[in-house]
Amino acid sequence: SGGGLVQAGGSLRLSCAASGRSLSFSALAW
């Protein structure tokens, strides 16, 4: 989540929610 439309030079923060297993067991990549 967290995507959207932004002007050049702007900022966004994307989020990644994991469920079903603990995130601590895995690396994470975008």
mmCIF file of all heavy atoms, coordinates in Angstrom:
data_MODEL
# 
_entry.id   MODEL 
# 
loop_
_atom_site.group_PDB 
_atom_site.id 
_atom_site.type_symbol 
_atom_site.label_atom_id 
_atom_site.label_alt_id 
_atom_site.label_comp_id 
_atom_site.label_asym_id 
_atom_site.label_entity_id 
_atom_site.label_seq_id 
_atom_site.pdbx_PDB_ins_code 
_atom_site.Cartn_x 
_atom_site.Cartn_y 
_atom_site.Cartn_z 
_atom_site.occupancy 
_atom_site.B_iso_or_equiv 
_atom_site.pdbx_formal_charge 
_atom_site.auth_seq_id 
_atom_site.auth_comp_id 
_atom_site.auth_asym_id 
_atom_site.auth_atom_id 
_atom_site.pdbx_PDB_model_num 
ATOM 1   N N   . SER A 1 1  ? 0.851  -1.184  0.000   1.00 0.00 ? 1  SER A N   1 
ATOM 2   C CA  . SER A 1 1  ? 0.000  0.000   0.000   1.00 0.00 ? 1  SER A CA  1 
ATOM 3   C C   . SER A 1 1  ? 0.887  1.234   0.000   1.00 0.00 ? 1  SER A C   1 
ATOM 4   O O   . SER A 1 1  ? 2.105  1.137   0.188   1.00 0.00 ? 1  SER A O   1 
ATOM 5   C CB  . SER A 1 1  ? -0.930 0.002   1.209   1.00 0.00 ? 1  SER A CB  1 
ATOM 6   O OG  . SER A 1 1  ? -0.174 0.025   2.412   1.00 0.00 ? 1  SER A OG  1 
ATOM 7   N N   . GLY A 1 2  ? 0.262  2.383   -0.223  1.00 0.00 ? 2  GLY A N   1 
ATOM 8   C CA  . GLY A 1 2  ? 0.990  3.643   -0.134  1.00 0.00 ? 2  GLY A CA  1 
ATOM 9   C C   . GLY A 1 2  ? 1.338  4.288   -1.461  1.00 0.00 ? 2  GLY A C   1 
ATOM 10  O O   . GLY A 1 2  ? 1.888  5.386   -1.485  1.00 0.00 ? 2  GLY A O   1 
ATOM 11  N N   . GLY A 1 3  ? 1.021  3.616   -2.546  1.00 0.00 ? 3  GLY A N   1 
ATOM 12  C CA  . GLY A 1 3  ? 1.296  4.207   -3.840  1.00 0.00 ? 3  GLY A CA  1 
ATOM 13  C C   . GLY A 1 3  ? 0.367  5.371   -4.128  1.00 0.00 ? 3  GLY A C   1 
ATOM 14  O O   . GLY A 1 3  ? -0.566 5.649   -3.383  1.00 0.00 ? 3  GLY A O   1 
ATOM 15  N N   . GLY A 1 4  ? 0.644  6.048   -5.235  1.00 0.00 ? 4  GLY A N   1 
ATOM 16  C CA  . GLY A 1 4  ? -0.197 7.169   -5.613  1.00 0.00 ? 4  GLY A CA  1 
ATOM 17  C C   . GLY A 1 4  ? 0.456  8.007   -6.686  1.00 0.00 ? 4  GLY A C   1 
ATOM 18  O O   . GLY A 1 4  ? 1.457  7.614   -7.292  1.00 0.00 ? 4  GLY A O   1 
ATOM 19  N N   . LEU A 1 5  ? -0.131 9.174   -6.901  1.00 0.00 ? 5  LEU A N   1 
ATOM 20  C CA  . LEU A 1 5  ? 0.367  10.127  -7.890  1.00 0.00 ? 5  LEU A CA  1 
ATOM 21  C C   . LEU A 1 5  ? 1.107  11.244  -7.159  1.00 0.00 ? 5  LEU A C   1 
ATOM 22  O O   . LEU A 1 5  ? 0.575  11.834  -6.211  1.00 0.00 ? 5  LEU A O   1 
ATOM 23  C CB  . LEU A 1 5  ? -0.802 10.700  -8.692  1.00 0.00 ? 5  LEU A CB  1 
ATOM 24  C CG  . LEU A 1 5  ? -0.484 11.825  -9.670  1.00 0.00 ? 5  LEU A CG  1 
ATOM 25  C CD1 . LEU A 1 5  ? 0.456  11.349  -10.758 1.00 0.00 ? 5  LEU A CD1 1 
ATOM 26  C CD2 . LEU A 1 5  ? -1.768 12.385  -10.260 1.00 0.00 ? 5  LEU A CD2 1 
ATOM 27  N N   . VAL A 1 6  ? 2.310  11.523  -7.600  1.00 0.00 ? 6  VAL A N   1 
ATOM 28  C CA  . VAL A 1 6  ? 3.122  12.550  -6.960  1.00 0.00 ? 6  VAL A CA  1 
ATOM 29  C C   . VAL A 1 6  ? 3.910  13.293  -8.021  1.00 0.00 ? 6  VAL A C   1 
ATOM 30  O O   . VAL A 1 6  ? 4.226  12.726  -9.082  1.00 0.00 ? 6  VAL A O   1 
ATOM 31  C CB  . VAL A 1 6  ? 4.063  11.911  -5.911  1.00 0.00 ? 6  VAL A CB  1 
ATOM 32  C CG1 . VAL A 1 6  ? 5.067  10.974  -6.575  1.00 0.00 ? 6  VAL A CG1 1 
ATOM 33  C CG2 . VAL A 1 6  ? 4.766  12.954  -5.065  1.00 0.00 ? 6  VAL A CG2 1 
ATOM 34  N N   . GLN A 1 7  ? 4.195  14.547  -7.754  1.00 0.00 ? 7  GLN A N   1 
ATOM 35  C CA  . GLN A 1 7  ? 5.006  15.323  -8.686  1.00 0.00 ? 7  GLN A CA  1 
ATOM 36  C C   . GLN A 1 7  ? 6.485  14.983  -8.532  1.00 0.00 ? 7  GLN A C   1 
ATOM 37  O O   . GLN A 1 7  ? 6.927  14.545  -7.464  1.00 0.00 ? 7  GLN A O   1 
ATOM 38  C CB  . GLN A 1 7  ? 4.800  16.811  -8.450  1.00 0.00 ? 7  GLN A CB  1 
ATOM 39  C CG  . GLN A 1 7  ? 3.440  17.322  -8.885  1.00 0.00 ? 7  GLN A CG  1 
ATOM 40  C CD  . GLN A 1 7  ? 3.342  18.841  -8.798  1.00 0.00 ? 7  GLN A CD  1 
ATOM 41  O OE1 . GLN A 1 7  ? 4.026  19.466  -7.998  1.00 0.00 ? 7  GLN A OE1 1 
ATOM 42  N NE2 . GLN A 1 7  ? 2.494  19.425  -9.638  1.00 0.00 ? 7  GLN A NE2 1 
ATOM 43  N N   . ALA A 1 8  ? 7.218  15.205  -9.581  1.00 0.00 ? 8  ALA A N   1 
ATOM 44  C CA  . ALA A 1 8  ? 8.660  14.984  -9.527  1.00 0.00 ? 8  ALA A CA  1 
ATOM 45  C C   . ALA A 1 8  ? 9.257  15.788  -8.371  1.00 0.00 ? 8  ALA A C   1 
ATOM 46  O O   . ALA A 1 8  ? 8.881  16.937  -8.138  1.00 0.00 ? 8  ALA A O   1 
ATOM 47  C CB  . ALA A 1 8  ? 9.304  15.388  -10.839 1.00 0.00 ? 8  ALA A CB  1 
ATOM 48  N N   . GLY A 1 9  ? 10.161 15.151  -7.651  1.00 0.00 ? 9  GLY A N   1 
ATOM 49  C CA  . GLY A 1 9  ? 10.747 15.759  -6.469  1.00 0.00 ? 9  GLY A CA  1 
ATOM 50  C C   . GLY A 1 9  ? 10.027 15.433  -5.183  1.00 0.00 ? 9  GLY A C   1 
ATOM 51  O O   . GLY A 1 9  ? 10.527 15.720  -4.090  1.00 0.00 ? 9  GLY A O   1 
ATOM 52  N N   . GLY A 1 10 ? 8.854  14.835  -5.306  1.00 0.00 ? 10 GLY A N   1 
ATOM 53  C CA  . GLY A 1 10 ? 8.069  14.507  -4.128  1.00 0.00 ? 10 GLY A CA  1 
ATOM 54  C C   . GLY A 1 10 ? 8.484  13.196  -3.475  1.00 0.00 ? 10 GLY A C   1 
ATOM 55  O O   . GLY A 1 10 ? 9.461  12.556  -3.888  1.00 0.00 ? 10 GLY A O   1 
ATOM 56  N N   . SER A 1 11 ? 7.726  12.819  -2.456  1.00 0.00 ? 11 SER A N   1 
ATOM 57  C CA  . SER A 1 11 ? 8.037  11.629  -1.669  1.00 0.00 ? 11 SER A CA  1 
ATOM 58  C C   . SER A 1 11 ? 6.802  10.763  -1.479  1.00 0.00 ? 11 SER A C   1 
ATOM 59  O O   . SER A 1 11 ? 5.673  11.257  -1.498  1.00 0.00 ? 11 SER A O   1 
ATOM 60  C CB  . SER A 1 11 ? 8.573  12.035  -0.291  1.00 0.00 ? 11 SER A CB  1 
ATOM 61  O OG  . SER A 1 11 ? 9.752  12.799  -0.406  1.00 0.00 ? 11 SER A OG  1 
ATOM 62  N N   . LEU A 1 12 ? 7.051  9.490   -1.301  1.00 0.00 ? 12 LEU A N   1 
ATOM 63  C CA  . LEU A 1 12 ? 6.017  8.527   -0.931  1.00 0.00 ? 12 LEU A CA  1 
ATOM 64  C C   . LEU A 1 12 ? 6.650  7.485   -0.032  1.00 0.00 ? 12 LEU A C   1 
ATOM 65  O O   . LEU A 1 12 ? 7.853  7.205   -0.149  1.00 0.00 ? 12 LEU A O   1 
ATOM 66  C CB  . LEU A 1 12 ? 5.432  7.827   -2.164  1.00 0.00 ? 12 LEU A CB  1 
ATOM 67  C CG  . LEU A 1 12 ? 4.430  8.573   -3.038  1.00 0.00 ? 12 LEU A CG  1 
ATOM 68  C CD1 . LEU A 1 12 ? 4.117  7.741   -4.278  1.00 0.00 ? 12 LEU A CD1 1 
ATOM 69  C CD2 . LEU A 1 12 ? 3.159  8.889   -2.280  1.00 0.00 ? 12 LEU A CD2 1 
ATOM 70  N N   . ARG A 1 13 ? 5.824  6.887   0.819   1.00 0.00 ? 13 ARG A N   1 
ATOM 71  C CA  . ARG A 1 13 ? 6.284  5.755   1.610   1.00 0.00 ? 13 ARG A CA  1 
ATOM 72  C C   . ARG A 1 13 ? 5.376  4.571   1.325   1.00 0.00 ? 13 ARG A C   1 
ATOM 73  O O   . ARG A 1 13 ? 4.168  4.636   1.576   1.00 0.00 ? 13 ARG A O   1 
ATOM 74  C CB  . ARG A 1 13 ? 6.295  6.053   3.106   1.00 0.00 ? 13 ARG A CB  1 
ATOM 75  C CG  . ARG A 1 13 ? 6.970  4.919   3.886   1.00 0.00 ? 13 ARG A CG  1 
ATOM 76  C CD  . ARG A 1 13 ? 7.105  5.206   5.361   1.00 0.00 ? 13 ARG A CD  1 
ATOM 77  N NE  . ARG A 1 13 ? 5.910  4.835   6.104   1.00 0.00 ? 13 ARG A NE  1 
ATOM 78  C CZ  . ARG A 1 13 ? 5.917  4.432   7.365   1.00 0.00 ? 13 ARG A CZ  1 
ATOM 79  N NH1 . ARG A 1 13 ? 7.061  4.317   8.018   1.00 0.00 ? 13 ARG A NH1 1 
ATOM 80  N NH2 . ARG A 1 13 ? 4.786  4.159   7.990   1.00 0.00 ? 13 ARG A NH2 1 
ATOM 81  N N   . LEU A 1 14 ? 5.966  3.528   0.813   1.00 0.00 ? 14 LEU A N   1 
ATOM 82  C CA  . LEU A 1 14 ? 5.231  2.296   0.556   1.00 0.00 ? 14 LEU A CA  1 
ATOM 83  C C   . LEU A 1 14 ? 5.310  1.381   1.770   1.00 0.00 ? 14 LEU A C   1 
ATOM 84  O O   . LEU A 1 14 ? 6.333  1.339   2.455   1.00 0.00 ? 14 LEU A O   1 
ATOM 85  C CB  . LEU A 1 14 ? 5.799  1.579   -0.664  1.00 0.00 ? 14 LEU A CB  1 
ATOM 86  C CG  . LEU A 1 14 ? 5.884  2.389   -1.950  1.00 0.00 ? 14 LEU A CG  1 
ATOM 87  C CD1 . LEU A 1 14 ? 6.395  1.495   -3.090  1.00 0.00 ? 14 LEU A CD1 1 
ATOM 88  C CD2 . LEU A 1 14 ? 4.561  3.013   -2.305  1.00 0.00 ? 14 LEU A CD2 1 
ATOM 89  N N   . SER A 1 15 ? 4.238  0.649   1.986   1.00 0.00 ? 15 SER A N   1 
ATOM 90  C CA  . SER A 1 15 ? 4.194  -0.306  3.083   1.00 0.00 ? 15 SER A CA  1 
ATOM 91  C C   . SER A 1 15 ? 3.947  -1.701  2.533   1.00 0.00 ? 15 SER A C   1 
ATOM 92  O O   . SER A 1 15 ? 3.265  -1.876  1.521   1.00 0.00 ? 15 SER A O   1 
ATOM 93  C CB  . SER A 1 15 ? 3.083  0.049   4.063   1.00 0.00 ? 15 SER A CB  1 
ATOM 94  O OG  . SER A 1 15 ? 3.319  1.305   4.665   1.00 0.00 ? 15 SER A OG  1 
ATOM 95  N N   . CYS A 1 16 ? 4.487  -2.671  3.235   1.00 0.00 ? 16 CYS A N   1 
ATOM 96  C CA  . CYS A 1 16 ? 4.313  -4.078  2.881   1.00 0.00 ? 16 CYS A CA  1 
ATOM 97  C C   . CYS A 1 16 ? 3.863  -4.810  4.139   1.00 0.00 ? 16 CYS A C   1 
ATOM 98  O O   . CYS A 1 16 ? 4.629  -4.902  5.106   1.00 0.00 ? 16 CYS A O   1 
ATOM 99  C CB  . CYS A 1 16 ? 5.630  -4.643  2.376   1.00 0.00 ? 16 CYS A CB  1 
ATOM 100 S SG  . CYS A 1 16 ? 5.666  -6.437  2.138   1.00 0.00 ? 16 CYS A SG  1 
ATOM 101 N N   . ALA A 1 17 ? 2.643  -5.299  4.128   1.00 0.00 ? 17 ALA A N   1 
ATOM 102 C CA  . ALA A 1 17 ? 2.094  -6.014  5.279   1.00 0.00 ? 17 ALA A CA  1 
ATOM 103 C C   . ALA A 1 17 ? 2.130  -7.508  5.002   1.00 0.00 ? 17 ALA A C   1 
ATOM 104 O O   . ALA A 1 17 ? 1.591  -7.961  3.982   1.00 0.00 ? 17 ALA A O   1 
ATOM 105 C CB  . ALA A 1 17 ? 0.674  -5.557  5.549   1.00 0.00 ? 17 ALA A CB  1 
ATOM 106 N N   . ALA A 1 18 ? 2.749  -8.243  5.888   1.00 0.00 ? 18 ALA A N   1 
ATOM 107 C CA  . ALA A 1 18 ? 2.818  -9.696  5.752   1.00 0.00 ? 18 ALA A CA  1 
ATOM 108 C C   . ALA A 1 18 ? 1.938  -10.347 6.805   1.00 0.00 ? 18 ALA A C   1 
ATOM 109 O O   . ALA A 1 18 ? 1.885  -9.888  7.949   1.00 0.00 ? 18 ALA A O   1 
ATOM 110 C CB  . ALA A 1 18 ? 4.257  -10.174 5.902   1.00 0.00 ? 18 ALA A CB  1 
ATOM 111 N N   . SER A 1 19 ? 1.259  -11.399 6.425   1.00 0.00 ? 19 SER A N   1 
ATOM 112 C CA  . SER A 1 19 ? 0.432  -12.141 7.378   1.00 0.00 ? 19 SER A CA  1 
ATOM 113 C C   . SER A 1 19 ? 0.551  -13.623 7.088   1.00 0.00 ? 19 SER A C   1 
ATOM 114 O O   . SER A 1 19 ? 0.865  -14.030 5.971   1.00 0.00 ? 19 SER A O   1 
ATOM 115 C CB  . SER A 1 19 ? -1.023 -11.694 7.295   1.00 0.00 ? 19 SER A CB  1 
ATOM 116 O OG  . SER A 1 19 ? -1.540 -11.925 6.004   1.00 0.00 ? 19 SER A OG  1 
ATOM 117 N N   . GLY A 1 20 ? 0.307  -14.425 8.101   1.00 0.00 ? 20 GLY A N   1 
ATOM 118 C CA  . GLY A 1 20 ? 0.371  -15.867 7.950   1.00 0.00 ? 20 GLY A CA  1 
ATOM 119 C C   . GLY A 1 20 ? 1.664  -16.478 8.444   1.00 0.00 ? 20 GLY A C   1 
ATOM 120 O O   . GLY A 1 20 ? 1.683  -17.635 8.832   1.00 0.00 ? 20 GLY A O   1 
ATOM 121 N N   . ARG A 1 21 ? 2.757  -15.754 8.371   1.00 0.00 ? 21 ARG A N   1 
ATOM 122 C CA  . ARG A 1 21 ? 4.044  -16.191 8.899   1.00 0.00 ? 21 ARG A CA  1 
ATOM 123 C C   . ARG A 1 21 ? 4.765  -14.965 9.440   1.00 0.00 ? 21 ARG A C   1 
ATOM 124 O O   . ARG A 1 21 ? 4.480  -13.832 9.069   1.00 0.00 ? 21 ARG A O   1 
ATOM 125 C CB  . ARG A 1 21 ? 4.901  -16.835 7.793   1.00 0.00 ? 21 ARG A CB  1 
ATOM 126 C CG  . ARG A 1 21 ? 4.345  -18.126 7.217   1.00 0.00 ? 21 ARG A CG  1 
ATOM 127 C CD  . ARG A 1 21 ? 4.448  -19.292 8.192   1.00 0.00 ? 21 ARG A CD  1 
ATOM 128 N NE  . ARG A 1 21 ? 5.796  -19.586 8.610   1.00 0.00 ? 21 ARG A NE  1 
ATOM 129 C CZ  . ARG A 1 21 ? 6.622  -20.364 7.921   1.00 0.00 ? 21 ARG A CZ  1 
ATOM 130 N NH1 . ARG A 1 21 ? 6.257  -20.902 6.773   1.00 0.00 ? 21 ARG A NH1 1 
ATOM 131 N NH2 . ARG A 1 21 ? 7.850  -20.600 8.375   1.00 0.00 ? 21 ARG A NH2 1 
ATOM 132 N N   . SER A 1 22 ? 5.720  -15.215 10.302  1.00 0.00 ? 22 SER A N   1 
ATOM 133 C CA  . SER A 1 22 ? 6.491  -14.115 10.856  1.00 0.00 ? 22 SER A CA  1 
ATOM 134 C C   . SER A 1 22 ? 7.475  -13.571 9.828   1.00 0.00 ? 22 SER A C   1 
ATOM 135 O O   . SER A 1 22 ? 8.241  -14.329 9.229   1.00 0.00 ? 22 SER A O   1 
ATOM 136 C CB  . SER A 1 22 ? 7.264  -14.585 12.091  1.00 0.00 ? 22 SER A CB  1 
ATOM 137 O OG  . SER A 1 22 ? 8.139  -13.562 12.538  1.00 0.00 ? 22 SER A OG  1 
ATOM 138 N N   . LEU A 1 23 ? 7.453  -12.274 9.646   1.00 0.00 ? 23 LEU A N   1 
ATOM 139 C CA  . LEU A 1 23 ? 8.360  -11.623 8.704   1.00 0.00 ? 23 LEU A CA  1 
ATOM 140 C C   . LEU A 1 23 ? 9.816  -11.835 9.104   1.00 0.00 ? 23 LEU A C   1 
ATOM 141 O O   . LEU A 1 23 ? 10.707 -11.787 8.250   1.00 0.00 ? 23 LEU A O   1 
ATOM 142 C CB  . LEU A 1 23 ? 8.036  -10.136 8.639   1.00 0.00 ? 23 LEU A CB  1 
ATOM 143 C CG  . LEU A 1 23 ? 8.840  -9.283  7.670   1.00 0.00 ? 23 LEU A CG  1 
ATOM 144 C CD1 . LEU A 1 23 ? 8.641  -9.766  6.237   1.00 0.00 ? 23 LEU A CD1 1 
ATOM 145 C CD2 . LEU A 1 23 ? 8.452  -7.821  7.798   1.00 0.00 ? 23 LEU A CD2 1 
ATOM 146 N N   . SER A 1 24 ? 10.071 -12.090 10.381  1.00 0.00 ? 24 SER A N   1 
ATOM 147 C CA  . SER A 1 24 ? 11.439 -12.206 10.871  1.00 0.00 ? 24 SER A CA  1 
ATOM 148 C C   . SER A 1 24 ? 12.205 -13.369 10.228  1.00 0.00 ? 24 SER A C   1 
ATOM 149 O O   . SER A 1 24 ? 13.436 -13.404 10.298  1.00 0.00 ? 24 SER A O   1 
ATOM 150 C CB  . SER A 1 24 ? 11.453 -12.372 12.388  1.00 0.00 ? 24 SER A CB  1 
ATOM 151 O OG  . SER A 1 24 ? 10.803 -13.571 12.753  1.00 0.00 ? 24 SER A OG  1 
ATOM 152 N N   . PHE A 1 25 ? 11.500 -14.300 9.616   1.00 0.00 ? 25 PHE A N   1 
ATOM 153 C CA  . PHE A 1 25 ? 12.149 -15.441 8.985   1.00 0.00 ? 25 PHE A CA  1 
ATOM 154 C C   . PHE A 1 25 ? 12.667 -15.141 7.577   1.00 0.00 ? 25 PHE A C   1 
ATOM 155 O O   . PHE A 1 25 ? 13.343 -15.977 6.981   1.00 0.00 ? 25 PHE A O   1 
ATOM 156 C CB  . PHE A 1 25 ? 11.188 -16.631 8.897   1.00 0.00 ? 25 PHE A CB  1 
ATOM 157 C CG  . PHE A 1 25 ? 10.846 -17.229 10.233  1.00 0.00 ? 25 PHE A CG  1 
ATOM 158 C CD1 . PHE A 1 25 ? 9.539  -17.252 10.694  1.00 0.00 ? 25 PHE A CD1 1 
ATOM 159 C CD2 . PHE A 1 25 ? 11.825 -17.775 11.045  1.00 0.00 ? 25 PHE A CD2 1 
ATOM 160 C CE1 . PHE A 1 25 ? 9.212  -17.797 11.922  1.00 0.00 ? 25 PHE A CE1 1 
ATOM 161 C CE2 . PHE A 1 25 ? 11.520 -18.331 12.273  1.00 0.00 ? 25 PHE A CE2 1 
ATOM 162 C CZ  . PHE A 1 25 ? 10.205 -18.335 12.714  1.00 0.00 ? 25 PHE A CZ  1 
ATOM 163 N N   . SER A 1 26 ? 12.354 -13.970 7.057   1.00 0.00 ? 26 SER A N   1 
ATOM 164 C CA  . SER A 1 26 ? 12.667 -13.732 5.652   1.00 0.00 ? 26 SER A CA  1 
ATOM 165 C C   . SER A 1 26 ? 13.343 -12.390 5.437   1.00 0.00 ? 26 SER A C   1 
ATOM 166 O O   . SER A 1 26 ? 13.032 -11.407 6.108   1.00 0.00 ? 26 SER A O   1 
ATOM 167 C CB  . SER A 1 26 ? 11.387 -13.770 4.820   1.00 0.00 ? 26 SER A CB  1 
ATOM 168 O OG  . SER A 1 26 ? 11.666 -13.534 3.452   1.00 0.00 ? 26 SER A OG  1 
ATOM 169 N N   . ALA A 1 27 ? 14.228 -12.361 4.437   1.00 0.00 ? 27 ALA A N   1 
ATOM 170 C CA  . ALA A 1 27 ? 14.618 -11.082 3.887   1.00 0.00 ? 27 ALA A CA  1 
ATOM 171 C C   . ALA A 1 27 ? 13.397 -10.463 3.216   1.00 0.00 ? 27 ALA A C   1 
ATOM 172 O O   . ALA A 1 27 ? 12.369 -11.133 3.017   1.00 0.00 ? 27 ALA A O   1 
ATOM 173 C CB  . ALA A 1 27 ? 15.745 -11.269 2.870   1.00 0.00 ? 27 ALA A CB  1 
ATOM 174 N N   . LEU A 1 28 ? 13.514 -9.216  2.864   1.00 0.00 ? 28 LEU A N   1 
ATOM 175 C CA  . LEU A 1 28 ? 12.403 -8.517  2.216   1.00 0.00 ? 28 LEU A CA  1 
ATOM 176 C C   . LEU A 1 28 ? 12.970 -7.702  1.077   1.00 0.00 ? 28 LEU A C   1 
ATOM 177 O O   . LEU A 1 28 ? 14.017 -7.056  1.210   1.00 0.00 ? 28 LEU A O   1 
ATOM 178 C CB  . LEU A 1 28 ? 11.706 -7.605  3.229   1.00 0.00 ? 28 LEU A CB  1 
ATOM 179 C CG  . LEU A 1 28 ? 10.433 -6.872  2.802   1.00 0.00 ? 28 LEU A CG  1 
ATOM 180 C CD1 . LEU A 1 28 ? 9.570  -6.603  4.026   1.00 0.00 ? 28 LEU A CD1 1 
ATOM 181 C CD2 . LEU A 1 28 ? 10.727 -5.580  2.080   1.00 0.00 ? 28 LEU A CD2 1 
ATOM 182 N N   . ALA A 1 29 ? 12.302 -7.748  -0.051  1.00 0.00 ? 29 ALA A N   1 
ATOM 183 C CA  . ALA A 1 29 ? 12.780 -7.009  -1.220  1.00 0.00 ? 29 ALA A CA  1 
ATOM 184 C C   . ALA A 1 29 ? 11.628 -6.250  -1.858  1.00 0.00 ? 29 ALA A C   1 
ATOM 185 O O   . ALA A 1 29 ? 10.471 -6.662  -1.781  1.00 0.00 ? 29 ALA A O   1 
ATOM 186 C CB  . ALA A 1 29 ? 13.395 -7.956  -2.241  1.00 0.00 ? 29 ALA A CB  1 
ATOM 187 N N   . TRP A 1 30 ? 11.980 -5.150  -2.472  1.00 0.00 ? 30 TRP A N   1 
ATOM 188 C CA  . TRP A 1 30 ? 11.047 -4.400  -3.304  1.00 0.00 ? 30 TRP A CA  1 
ATOM 189 C C   . TRP A 1 30 ? 11.502 -4.514  -4.750  1.00 0.00 ? 30 TRP A C   1 
ATOM 190 O O   . TRP A 1 30 ? 12.696 -4.358  -5.055  1.00 0.00 ? 30 TRP A O   1 
ATOM 191 C CB  . TRP A 1 30 ? 10.987 -2.941  -2.888  1.00 0.00 ? 30 TRP A CB  1 
ATOM 192 C CG  . TRP A 1 30 ? 10.272 -2.701  -1.604  1.00 0.00 ? 30 TRP A CG  1 
ATOM 193 C CD1 . TRP A 1 30 ? 10.812 -2.621  -0.352  1.00 0.00 ? 30 TRP A CD1 1 
ATOM 194 C CD2 . TRP A 1 30 ? 8.863  -2.503  -1.431  1.00 0.00 ? 30 TRP A CD2 1 
ATOM 195 N NE1 . TRP A 1 30 ? 9.837  -2.395  0.581   1.00 0.00 ? 30 TRP A NE1 1 
ATOM 196 C CE2 . TRP A 1 30 ? 8.627  -2.312  -0.058  1.00 0.00 ? 30 TRP A CE2 1 
ATOM 197 C CE3 . TRP A 1 30 ? 7.774  -2.460  -2.311  1.00 0.00 ? 30 TRP A CE3 1 
ATOM 198 C CZ2 . TRP A 1 30 ? 7.346  -2.084  0.466   1.00 0.00 ? 30 TRP A CZ2 1 
ATOM 199 C CZ3 . TRP A 1 30 ? 6.511  -2.243  -1.794  1.00 0.00 ? 30 TRP A CZ3 1 
ATOM 200 C CH2 . TRP A 1 30 ? 6.306  -2.059  -0.422  1.00 0.00 ? 30 TRP A CH2 1 
# 
